[in-house]
Amino acid sequence: MTDQPRSTFGPTVLAGLVTAGFTAIATNQTLATARPTESGIVYSDLQEGSQVPLGLTLSLVVLACWGVVLVTRRVVRRGVAVLGLLAAIGAAASVVLARGMILDSYRDDFRDIGATPVVDFSWWYWLALFLSVLAVLPAAVAVLRVGRWPEMGTRYDAPGDQEMGRVGAAEDEEPSSLDLWKAIDEGRDPTR
């Protein structure tokens, strides 16, 4: 029988990376277009207000948090998982609220030219909405289970202020290539 927390690690991280990455892509697209209901009115749609920059930014934060969760341990890892969950919730909320903001923006633009808008939301908006809400789930699982997930060992940490001498060589003589390779295998810097 597999260990439940360990078996959720890979799928959860993968789901988090995929949902956050595709949310970032979707929120950077044109989410809506508008046209006047009245004939004879020319409207050049600049599409400035039909994107969700906050959703894009927060989904990139979520994506970065997943990368940090992979390489950190203990308290830092848990803190980054919580930050990722908060950013995922914020991204989802910004995409949900963007619909009303986009509609208001187009209404204001069309009011200035004396027209009524017909706003069409693209499939990018619906994809961004679905993925941003879905991105909250793996982030929540990470907060709950990150303490039981496998961590990278201390072997991958940067060397500290430890005194590292040369292995098997006196101070005056050059180390052999075998000594250099042994030092590298043991995680020490043979050039010091």
C-alpha atoms as a PDB file:
ATOM      1  CA  MET A   1       0.000   0.000   0.000  1.00  0.00           C
ATOM      2  CA  THR A   2       1.404   3.398  -0.959  1.00  0.00           C
ATOM      3  CA  ASP A   3       1.762   6.269   1.452  1.00  0.00           C
ATOM      4  CA  GLN A   4      -1.231   8.561   0.722  1.00  0.00           C
ATOM      5  CA  PRO A   5       0.524  11.947   1.215  1.00  0.00           C
ATOM      6  CA  ARG A   6       3.499  10.913  -0.913  1.00  0.00           C
ATOM      7  CA  SER A   7       1.278   9.597  -3.688  1.00  0.00           C
ATOM      8  CA  THR A   8      -0.550  12.939  -3.900  1.00  0.00           C
ATOM      9  CA  PHE A   9       2.664  14.939  -4.309  1.00  0.00           C
ATOM     10  CA  GLY A  10       3.279  14.488  -8.048  1.00  0.00           C
ATOM     11  CA  PRO A  11      -0.314  14.765  -9.270  1.00  0.00           C
ATOM     12  CA  THR A  12      -1.007  17.783  -7.057  1.00  0.00           C
ATOM     13  CA  VAL A  13       2.084  19.680  -8.180  1.00  0.00           C
ATOM     14  CA  LEU A  14       1.374  18.833 -11.816  1.00  0.00           C
ATOM     15  CA  ALA A  15      -2.265  19.947 -11.506  1.00  0.00           C
ATOM     16  CA  GLY A  16      -1.135  23.162  -9.819  1.00  0.00           C
ATOM     17  CA  LEU A  17       1.421  23.954 -12.511  1.00  0.00           C
ATOM     18  CA  VAL A  18      -0.983  23.212 -15.356  1.00  0.00           C
ATOM     19  CA  THR A  19      -3.934  25.169 -13.968  1.00  0.00           C
ATOM     20  CA  ALA A  20      -1.821  28.185 -12.954  1.00  0.00           C
ATOM     21  CA  GLY A  21       0.083  28.213 -16.239  1.00  0.00           C
ATOM     22  CA  PHE A  22      -2.980  28.000 -18.437  1.00  0.00           C
ATOM     23  CA  THR A  23      -4.802  30.559 -16.286  1.00  0.00           C
ATOM     24  CA  ALA A  24      -1.922  32.955 -16.933  1.00  0.00           C
ATOM     25  CA  ILE A  25      -2.180  32.333 -20.670  1.00  0.00           C
ATOM     26  CA  ALA A  26      -5.973  32.685 -20.744  1.00  0.00           C
ATOM     27  CA  THR A  27      -6.128  35.891 -18.682  1.00  0.00           C
ATOM     28  CA  ASN A  28      -3.660  37.555 -21.050  1.00  0.00           C
ATOM     29  CA  GLN A  29      -5.954  37.066 -24.056  1.00  0.00           C
ATOM     30  CA  THR A  30      -8.814  39.235 -25.303  1.00  0.00           C
ATOM     31  CA  LEU A  31     -11.681  38.078 -23.130  1.00  0.00           C
ATOM     32  CA  ALA A  32     -14.514  40.083 -24.669  1.00  0.00           C
ATOM     33  CA  THR A  33     -15.448  42.165 -27.689  1.00  0.00           C
ATOM     34  CA  ALA A  34     -18.293  44.596 -28.152  1.00  0.00           C
ATOM     35  CA  ARG A  35     -20.312  46.052 -31.001  1.00  0.00           C
ATOM     36  CA  PRO A  36     -23.045  48.694 -31.047  1.00  0.00           C
ATOM     37  CA  THR A  37     -26.673  47.609 -31.354  1.00  0.00           C
ATOM     38  CA  GLU A  38     -27.427  50.660 -33.479  1.00  0.00           C
ATOM     39  CA  SER A  39     -26.555  50.569 -37.175  1.00  0.00           C
ATOM     40  CA  GLY A  40     -24.399  53.298 -38.678  1.00  0.00           C
ATOM     41  CA  ILE A  41     -22.222  53.790 -35.579  1.00  0.00           C
ATOM     42  CA  VAL A  42     -18.566  53.059 -36.094  1.00  0.00           C
ATOM     43  CA  TYR A  43     -16.739  51.797 -33.039  1.00  0.00           C
ATOM     44  CA  SER A  44     -13.095  50.872 -32.974  1.00  0.00           C
ATOM     45  CA  ASP A  45     -12.707  48.266 -30.236  1.00  0.00           C
ATOM     46  CA  LEU A  46      -9.303  48.784 -28.653  1.00  0.00           C
ATOM     47  CA  GLN A  47      -9.934  45.892 -26.257  1.00  0.00           C
ATOM     48  CA  GLU A  48      -7.933  47.608 -23.519  1.00  0.00           C
ATOM     49  CA  GLY A  49     -10.407  46.777 -20.775  1.00  0.00           C
ATOM     50  CA  SER A  50     -11.111  43.221 -21.851  1.00  0.00           C
ATOM     51  CA  GLN A  51      -8.161  41.543 -20.151  1.00  0.00           C
ATOM     52  CA  VAL A  52      -7.555  40.684 -16.508  1.00  0.00           C
ATOM     53  CA  PRO A  53      -4.069  41.935 -15.582  1.00  0.00           C
ATOM     54  CA  LEU A  54      -4.578  41.174 -11.882  1.00  0.00           C
ATOM     55  CA  GLY A  55      -5.607  37.607 -12.718  1.00  0.00           C
ATOM     56  CA  LEU A  56      -2.512  37.256 -14.896  1.00  0.00           C
ATOM     57  CA  THR A  57      -0.233  38.589 -12.177  1.00  0.00           C
ATOM     58  CA  LEU A  58      -1.699  36.425  -9.434  1.00  0.00           C
ATOM     59  CA  SER A  59      -1.638  33.287 -11.569  1.00  0.00           C
ATOM     60  CA  LEU A  60       2.069  33.935 -12.227  1.00  0.00           C
ATOM     61  CA  VAL A  61       2.553  34.227  -8.460  1.00  0.00           C
ATOM     62  CA  VAL A  62       0.824  30.844  -8.047  1.00  0.00           C
ATOM     63  CA  LEU A  63       3.089  29.369 -10.719  1.00  0.00           C
ATOM     64  CA  ALA A  64       6.181  30.716  -8.933  1.00  0.00           C
ATOM     65  CA  CYS A  65       4.929  29.347  -5.611  1.00  0.00           C
ATOM     66  CA  TRP A  66       4.731  25.844  -7.095  1.00  0.00           C
ATOM     67  CA  GLY A  67       8.354  26.140  -8.163  1.00  0.00           C
ATOM     68  CA  VAL A  68       9.387  27.228  -4.674  1.00  0.00           C
ATOM     69  CA  VAL A  69       7.388  24.423  -3.032  1.00  0.00           C
ATOM     70  CA  LEU A  70       9.454  21.941  -5.028  1.00  0.00           C
ATOM     71  CA  VAL A  71      12.808  23.139  -3.672  1.00  0.00           C
ATOM     72  CA  THR A  72      12.157  24.285  -0.096  1.00  0.00           C
ATOM     73  CA  ARG A  73      11.567  22.523   3.199  1.00  0.00           C
ATOM     74  CA  ARG A  74       9.618  22.845   6.428  1.00  0.00           C
ATOM     75  CA  VAL A  75       8.289  26.266   7.476  1.00  0.00           C
ATOM     76  CA  VAL A  76       9.288  28.082   4.282  1.00  0.00           C
ATOM     77  CA  ARG A  77       7.559  25.453   2.195  1.00  0.00           C
ATOM     78  CA  ARG A  78       4.365  25.691   4.208  1.00  0.00           C
ATOM     79  CA  GLY A  79       4.434  29.497   4.048  1.00  0.00           C
ATOM     80  CA  VAL A  80       4.871  29.471   0.285  1.00  0.00           C
ATOM     81  CA  ALA A  81       2.027  26.957  -0.051  1.00  0.00           C
ATOM     82  CA  VAL A  82      -0.250  29.311   1.912  1.00  0.00           C
ATOM     83  CA  LEU A  83       0.870  32.245  -0.268  1.00  0.00           C
ATOM     84  CA  GLY A  84       0.086  30.159  -3.362  1.00  0.00           C
ATOM     85  CA  LEU A  85      -3.398  29.381  -2.050  1.00  0.00           C
ATOM     86  CA  LEU A  86      -4.093  33.056  -1.322  1.00  0.00           C
ATOM     87  CA  ALA A  87      -2.842  34.045  -4.782  1.00  0.00           C
ATOM     88  CA  ALA A  88      -4.991  31.330  -6.405  1.00  0.00           C
ATOM     89  CA  ILE A  89      -8.077  32.572  -4.562  1.00  0.00           C
ATOM     90  CA  GLY A  90      -7.236  36.143  -5.595  1.00  0.00           C
ATOM     91  CA  ALA A  91      -6.777  35.138  -9.231  1.00  0.00           C
ATOM     92  CA  ALA A  92     -10.113  33.309  -9.259  1.00  0.00           C
ATOM     93  CA  ALA A  93     -11.874  36.261  -7.625  1.00  0.00           C
ATOM     94  CA  SER A  94     -10.356  38.709 -10.110  1.00  0.00           C
ATOM     95  CA  VAL A  95     -11.537  36.645 -13.083  1.00  0.00           C
ATOM     96  CA  VAL A  96     -15.033  36.303 -11.600  1.00  0.00           C
ATOM     97  CA  LEU A  97     -15.233  40.059 -10.935  1.00  0.00           C
ATOM     98  CA  ALA A  98     -13.704  40.902 -14.332  1.00  0.00           C
ATOM     99  CA  ARG A  99     -16.963  40.076 -16.100  1.00  0.00           C
ATOM    100  CA  GLY A 100     -18.767  42.952 -14.425  1.00  0.00           C
ATOM    101  CA  MET A 101     -15.818  45.312 -14.891  1.00  0.00           C
ATOM    102  CA  ILE A 102     -15.576  44.507 -18.593  1.00  0.00           C
ATOM    103  CA  LEU A 103     -19.324  45.093 -19.049  1.00  0.00           C
ATOM    104  CA  ASP A 104     -19.120  48.423 -17.175  1.00  0.00           C
ATOM    105  CA  SER A 105     -16.107  49.494 -19.221  1.00  0.00           C
ATOM    106  CA  TYR A 106     -17.879  48.824 -22.509  1.00  0.00           C
ATOM    107  CA  ARG A 107     -21.081  50.538 -21.306  1.00  0.00           C
ATOM    108  CA  ASP A 108     -19.068  53.657 -20.422  1.00  0.00           C
ATOM    109  CA  ASP A 109     -17.256  53.630 -23.776  1.00  0.00           C
ATOM    110  CA  PHE A 110     -20.477  53.238 -25.728  1.00  0.00           C
ATOM    111  CA  ARG A 111     -22.319  55.851 -23.673  1.00  0.00           C
ATOM    112  CA  ASP A 112     -19.692  58.364 -24.830  1.00  0.00           C
ATOM    113  CA  ILE A 113     -20.599  57.710 -28.491  1.00  0.00           C
ATOM    114  CA  GLY A 114     -24.344  57.435 -27.847  1.00  0.00           C
ATOM    115  CA  ALA A 115     -24.738  53.712 -28.393  1.00  0.00           C
ATOM    116  CA  THR A 116     -25.639  50.543 -26.511  1.00  0.00           C
ATOM    117  CA  PRO A 117     -23.095  47.706 -26.487  1.00  0.00           C
ATOM    118  CA  VAL A 118     -23.550  44.054 -27.216  1.00  0.00           C
ATOM    119  CA  VAL A 119     -20.699  42.356 -25.380  1.00  0.00           C
ATOM    120  CA  ASP A 120     -19.513  38.936 -26.475  1.00  0.00           C
ATOM    121  CA  PHE A 121     -17.282  37.050 -24.044  1.00  0.00           C
ATOM    122  CA  SER A 122     -14.791  34.818 -25.824  1.00  0.00           C
ATOM    123  CA  TRP A 123     -14.020  31.247 -24.925  1.00  0.00           C
ATOM    124  CA  TRP A 124     -10.786  32.594 -23.349  1.00  0.00           C
ATOM    125  CA  TYR A 125     -12.865  34.210 -20.618  1.00  0.00           C
ATOM    126  CA  TRP A 126     -14.706  30.979 -19.843  1.00  0.00           C
ATOM    127  CA  LEU A 127     -11.443  29.021 -19.900  1.00  0.00           C
ATOM    128  CA  ALA A 128      -9.800  31.570 -17.571  1.00  0.00           C
ATOM    129  CA  LEU A 129     -12.796  31.382 -15.242  1.00  0.00           C
ATOM    130  CA  PHE A 130     -12.802  27.575 -15.149  1.00  0.00           C
ATOM    131  CA  LEU A 131      -9.036  27.210 -14.712  1.00  0.00           C
ATOM    132  CA  SER A 132      -8.670  29.966 -12.122  1.00  0.00           C
ATOM    133  CA  VAL A 133     -11.326  28.366  -9.929  1.00  0.00           C
ATOM    134  CA  LEU A 134      -9.806  24.936 -10.538  1.00  0.00           C
ATOM    135  CA  ALA A 135      -6.321  26.227  -9.560  1.00  0.00           C
ATOM    136  CA  VAL A 136      -7.565  26.763  -5.996  1.00  0.00           C
ATOM    137  CA  LEU A 137      -7.995  23.004  -5.454  1.00  0.00           C
ATOM    138  CA  PRO A 138      -4.367  21.850  -5.825  1.00  0.00           C
ATOM    139  CA  ALA A 139      -3.222  24.888  -3.843  1.00  0.00           C
ATOM    140  CA  ALA A 140      -5.563  23.908  -0.998  1.00  0.00           C
ATOM    141  CA  VAL A 141      -4.336  20.302  -1.127  1.00  0.00           C
ATOM    142  CA  ALA A 142      -0.762  21.599  -0.933  1.00  0.00           C
ATOM    143  CA  VAL A 143      -1.511  23.609   2.211  1.00  0.00           C
ATOM    144  CA  LEU A 144      -3.081  20.560   3.847  1.00  0.00           C
ATOM    145  CA  ARG A 145      -0.434  17.996   2.885  1.00  0.00           C
ATOM    146  CA  VAL A 146       2.816  19.879   2.281  1.00  0.00           C
ATOM    147  CA  GLY A 147       4.219  18.836   5.664  1.00  0.00           C
ATOM    148  CA  ARG A 148       4.031  15.149   4.703  1.00  0.00           C
ATOM    149  CA  TRP A 149       5.356  15.471   1.152  1.00  0.00           C
ATOM    150  CA  PRO A 150       8.916  14.392   0.305  1.00  0.00           C
ATOM    151  CA  GLU A 151      11.555  17.100   0.451  1.00  0.00           C
ATOM    152  CA  MET A 152      14.863  17.618  -1.273  1.00  0.00           C
ATOM    153  CA  GLY A 153      17.739  16.504   0.925  1.00  0.00           C
ATOM    154  CA  THR A 154      20.368  18.757   2.433  1.00  0.00           C
ATOM    155  CA  ARG A 155      22.750  17.371  -0.149  1.00  0.00           C
ATOM    156  CA  TYR A 156      21.399  19.994  -2.581  1.00  0.00           C
ATOM    157  CA  ASP A 157      21.931  22.929  -0.215  1.00  0.00           C
ATOM    158  CA  ALA A 158      24.651  25.436  -0.910  1.00  0.00           C
ATOM    159  CA  PRO A 159      27.776  24.753   1.109  1.00  0.00           C
ATOM    160  CA  GLY A 160      27.904  26.742   4.340  1.00  0.00           C
ATOM    161  CA  ASP A 161      30.832  28.133   6.207  1.00  0.00           C
ATOM    162  CA  GLN A 162      32.238  24.696   6.798  1.00  0.00           C
ATOM    163  CA  GLU A 163      35.993  24.330   6.595  1.00  0.00           C
ATOM    164  CA  MET A 164      36.682  22.071   3.629  1.00  0.00           C
ATOM    165  CA  GLY A 165      40.173  20.749   3.277  1.00  0.00           C
ATOM    166  CA  ARG A 166      41.557  18.719   0.442  1.00  0.00           C
ATOM    167  CA  VAL A 167      40.923  15.001   0.646  1.00  0.00           C
ATOM    168  CA  GLY A 168      43.939  12.672   0.796  1.00  0.00           C
ATOM    169  CA  ALA A 169      46.480  15.298  -0.183  1.00  0.00           C
ATOM    170  CA  ALA A 170      49.077  17.145   1.836  1.00  0.00           C
ATOM    171  CA  GLU A 171      49.074  20.942   1.753  1.00  0.00           C
ATOM    172  CA  ASP A 172      52.151  21.145  -0.525  1.00  0.00           C
ATOM    173  CA  GLU A 173      51.235  18.574  -3.138  1.00  0.00           C
ATOM    174  CA  GLU A 174      48.652  18.658  -5.890  1.00  0.00           C
ATOM    175  CA  PRO A 175      45.599  16.438  -5.404  1.00  0.00           C
ATOM    176  CA  SER A 176      45.203  13.570  -7.809  1.00  0.00           C
ATOM    177  CA  SER A 177      42.237  13.415 -10.164  1.00  0.00           C
ATOM    178  CA  LEU A 178      40.812  10.616  -8.055  1.00  0.00           C
ATOM    179  CA  ASP A 179      40.930  12.893  -4.996  1.00  0.00           C
ATOM    180  CA  LEU A 180      39.173  15.655  -6.932  1.00  0.00           C
ATOM    181  CA  TRP A 181      36.388  13.326  -8.076  1.00  0.00           C
ATOM    182  CA  LYS A 182      35.940  11.962  -4.555  1.00  0.00           C
ATOM    183  CA  ALA A 183      35.602  15.492  -3.211  1.00  0.00           C
ATOM    184  CA  ILE A 184      32.988  16.321  -5.826  1.00  0.00           C
ATOM    185  CA  ASP A 185      31.072  13.103  -5.059  1.00  0.00           C
ATOM    186  CA  GLU A 186      31.039  14.006  -1.373  1.00  0.00           C
ATOM    187  CA  GLY A 187      29.597  17.431  -2.172  1.00  0.00           C
ATOM    188  CA  ARG A 188      32.744  19.403  -1.384  1.00  0.00           C
ATOM    189  CA  ASP A 189      34.452  21.988  -3.538  1.00  0.00           C
ATOM    190  CA  PRO A 190      37.907  20.612  -4.416  1.00  0.00           C
ATOM    191  CA  THR A 191      39.164  24.023  -5.557  1.00  0.00           C
ATOM    192  CA  ARG A 192      39.103  25.534  -2.085  1.00  0.00           C
END
